[in-house]
Amino acid sequence: MECNKKTCVSCGKCHNICPMDVGPVKNPNSAECIRCGKCVASCPKESLALKFVYGKKG
């Protein structure tokens, strides 16, 4: 999970919709996060993004 703090307006919608009560702005990679994407969909500024990082080959 990534949060662009330059575009985030700290509205709290992402935290309010989270079924795990995670604050993705303060802790975007919380171990409690189930990566459901509800916070990403609720962000009015598109400041949150789910990204997957794959290991290096070789």
N, C-alpha and C. Protein backbone atom coordinates (compact mmCIF):
# COMPACT_ATOMS: atom_id res chain seq x y z
N MET A 1 0.84 -1.16 0.00
CA MET A 1 0.00 0.00 0.00
C MET A 1 0.89 1.23 0.00
N GLU A 2 0.52 2.20 -0.80
CA GLU A 2 1.25 3.46 -0.81
C GLU A 2 0.27 4.61 -0.64
N CYS A 3 0.70 5.63 0.09
CA CYS A 3 -0.09 6.83 0.28
C CYS A 3 0.71 8.03 -0.19
N ASN A 4 0.13 8.79 -1.11
CA ASN A 4 0.77 10.01 -1.59
C ASN A 4 0.35 11.13 -0.64
N LYS A 5 1.23 11.47 0.27
CA LYS A 5 0.90 12.47 1.29
C LYS A 5 0.83 13.88 0.73
N LYS A 6 1.32 14.07 -0.49
CA LYS A 6 1.22 15.39 -1.13
C LYS A 6 -0.20 15.68 -1.58
N THR A 7 -0.93 14.63 -1.98
CA THR A 7 -2.30 14.83 -2.46
C THR A 7 -3.35 14.50 -1.40
N CYS A 8 -2.96 13.80 -0.34
CA CYS A 8 -3.89 13.42 0.72
C CYS A 8 -4.37 14.66 1.47
N VAL A 9 -5.69 14.72 1.70
CA VAL A 9 -6.27 15.86 2.42
C VAL A 9 -6.67 15.49 3.85
N SER A 10 -6.27 14.31 4.31
CA SER A 10 -6.53 13.84 5.67
C SER A 10 -8.01 13.89 6.03
N CYS A 11 -8.86 13.46 5.13
CA CYS A 11 -10.31 13.49 5.35
C CYS A 11 -10.78 12.36 6.26
N GLY A 12 -10.00 11.27 6.36
CA GLY A 12 -10.34 10.15 7.23
C GLY A 12 -11.26 9.12 6.62
N LYS A 13 -11.66 9.30 5.36
CA LYS A 13 -12.57 8.34 4.73
C LYS A 13 -11.95 6.95 4.65
N CYS A 14 -10.67 6.87 4.38
CA CYS A 14 -10.00 5.58 4.27
C CYS A 14 -10.01 4.84 5.60
N HIS A 15 -9.76 5.55 6.67
CA HIS A 15 -9.75 4.94 7.99
C HIS A 15 -11.16 4.52 8.40
N ASN A 16 -12.14 5.35 8.11
CA ASN A 16 -13.52 5.08 8.50
C ASN A 16 -14.09 3.85 7.80
N ILE A 17 -13.69 3.59 6.56
CA ILE A 17 -14.25 2.46 5.81
C ILE A 17 -13.49 1.16 6.04
N CYS A 18 -12.34 1.22 6.64
CA CYS A 18 -11.49 0.04 6.82
C CYS A 18 -12.12 -0.97 7.78
N PRO A 19 -12.36 -2.22 7.32
CA PRO A 19 -12.94 -3.24 8.19
C PRO A 19 -11.97 -3.71 9.28
N MET A 20 -10.69 -3.41 9.13
CA MET A 20 -9.69 -3.82 10.11
C MET A 20 -9.26 -2.67 11.02
N ASP A 21 -9.89 -1.50 10.87
CA ASP A 21 -9.59 -0.31 11.66
C ASP A 21 -8.12 0.12 11.53
N VAL A 22 -7.63 0.04 10.30
CA VAL A 22 -6.25 0.47 10.00
C VAL A 22 -6.31 1.89 9.45
N GLY A 23 -5.35 2.71 9.82
CA GLY A 23 -5.23 4.05 9.26
C GLY A 23 -4.18 4.03 8.17
N PRO A 24 -4.58 3.84 6.90
CA PRO A 24 -3.60 3.69 5.84
C PRO A 24 -2.73 4.91 5.58
N VAL A 25 -3.14 6.07 6.02
CA VAL A 25 -2.30 7.25 5.84
C VAL A 25 -1.13 7.20 6.82
N LYS A 26 -1.41 6.83 8.06
CA LYS A 26 -0.36 6.76 9.08
C LYS A 26 0.47 5.49 8.98
N ASN A 27 -0.17 4.38 8.61
CA ASN A 27 0.52 3.09 8.57
C ASN A 27 0.07 2.30 7.34
N PRO A 28 0.52 2.71 6.15
CA PRO A 28 0.04 2.08 4.92
C PRO A 28 0.38 0.61 4.75
N ASN A 29 1.37 0.11 5.45
CA ASN A 29 1.75 -1.30 5.34
C ASN A 29 1.56 -2.05 6.65
N SER A 30 0.47 -1.73 7.32
CA SER A 30 0.14 -2.39 8.58
C SER A 30 -0.03 -3.89 8.38
N ALA A 31 0.43 -4.66 9.33
CA ALA A 31 0.27 -6.12 9.27
C ALA A 31 -1.19 -6.52 9.40
N GLU A 32 -2.01 -5.65 9.98
CA GLU A 32 -3.44 -5.94 10.14
C GLU A 32 -4.22 -5.72 8.84
N CYS A 33 -3.66 -5.00 7.91
CA CYS A 33 -4.33 -4.70 6.64
C CYS A 33 -4.53 -5.98 5.83
N ILE A 34 -5.77 -6.20 5.36
CA ILE A 34 -6.08 -7.40 4.56
C ILE A 34 -6.08 -7.10 3.06
N ARG A 35 -5.69 -5.90 2.68
CA ARG A 35 -5.57 -5.47 1.27
C ARG A 35 -6.89 -5.65 0.50
N CYS A 36 -8.00 -5.25 1.14
CA CYS A 36 -9.31 -5.38 0.50
C CYS A 36 -9.54 -4.28 -0.54
N GLY A 37 -8.84 -3.16 -0.40
CA GLY A 37 -8.97 -2.07 -1.38
C GLY A 37 -10.09 -1.09 -1.11
N LYS A 38 -10.83 -1.27 -0.03
CA LYS A 38 -11.92 -0.34 0.28
C LYS A 38 -11.41 1.07 0.51
N CYS A 39 -10.26 1.20 1.14
CA CYS A 39 -9.70 2.51 1.40
C CYS A 39 -9.30 3.21 0.10
N VAL A 40 -8.73 2.44 -0.81
CA VAL A 40 -8.32 2.98 -2.11
C VAL A 40 -9.53 3.51 -2.86
N ALA A 41 -10.61 2.73 -2.87
CA ALA A 41 -11.83 3.13 -3.57
C ALA A 41 -12.50 4.33 -2.92
N SER A 42 -12.33 4.51 -1.62
CA SER A 42 -13.01 5.60 -0.91
C SER A 42 -12.27 6.92 -0.98
N CYS A 43 -11.02 6.92 -1.40
CA CYS A 43 -10.21 8.14 -1.39
C CYS A 43 -10.66 9.12 -2.48
N PRO A 44 -11.11 10.32 -2.08
CA PRO A 44 -11.58 11.29 -3.06
C PRO A 44 -10.45 11.91 -3.90
N LYS A 45 -9.23 11.80 -3.44
CA LYS A 45 -8.09 12.39 -4.14
C LYS A 45 -7.20 11.35 -4.81
N GLU A 46 -7.61 10.08 -4.76
CA GLU A 46 -6.82 8.98 -5.33
C GLU A 46 -5.39 8.98 -4.81
N SER A 47 -5.27 9.22 -3.52
CA SER A 47 -3.95 9.28 -2.87
C SER A 47 -3.43 7.92 -2.42
N LEU A 48 -4.30 6.91 -2.40
CA LEU A 48 -3.90 5.57 -1.98
C LEU A 48 -3.82 4.64 -3.17
N ALA A 49 -2.88 3.71 -3.12
CA ALA A 49 -2.74 2.73 -4.20
C ALA A 49 -2.24 1.41 -3.63
N LEU A 50 -2.80 0.33 -4.13
CA LEU A 50 -2.30 -1.00 -3.81
C LEU A 50 -1.26 -1.36 -4.86
N LYS A 51 -0.09 -1.72 -4.41
CA LYS A 51 0.99 -2.09 -5.34
C LYS A 51 1.60 -3.37 -4.86
N PHE A 52 2.02 -4.17 -5.81
CA PHE A 52 2.66 -5.44 -5.47
C PHE A 52 4.10 -5.40 -5.96
N VAL A 53 5.00 -5.81 -5.11
CA VAL A 53 6.43 -5.83 -5.43
C VAL A 53 6.86 -7.28 -5.52
N TYR A 54 7.46 -7.62 -6.62
CA TYR A 54 7.94 -8.99 -6.82
C TYR A 54 9.43 -9.03 -6.57
N GLY A 55 9.92 -10.16 -6.09
CA GLY A 55 11.35 -10.32 -5.84
C GLY A 55 12.17 -10.28 -7.11
N LYS A 56 13.44 -9.97 -6.96
CA LYS A 56 14.35 -9.91 -8.10
C LYS A 56 14.66 -11.32 -8.60
N LYS A 57 14.78 -11.44 -9.89
CA LYS A 57 15.16 -12.73 -10.49
C LYS A 57 16.67 -12.81 -10.59
N GLY A 58 17.18 -13.99 -10.28
CA GLY A 58 18.59 -14.27 -10.46
C GLY A 58 19.43 -13.60 -9.52
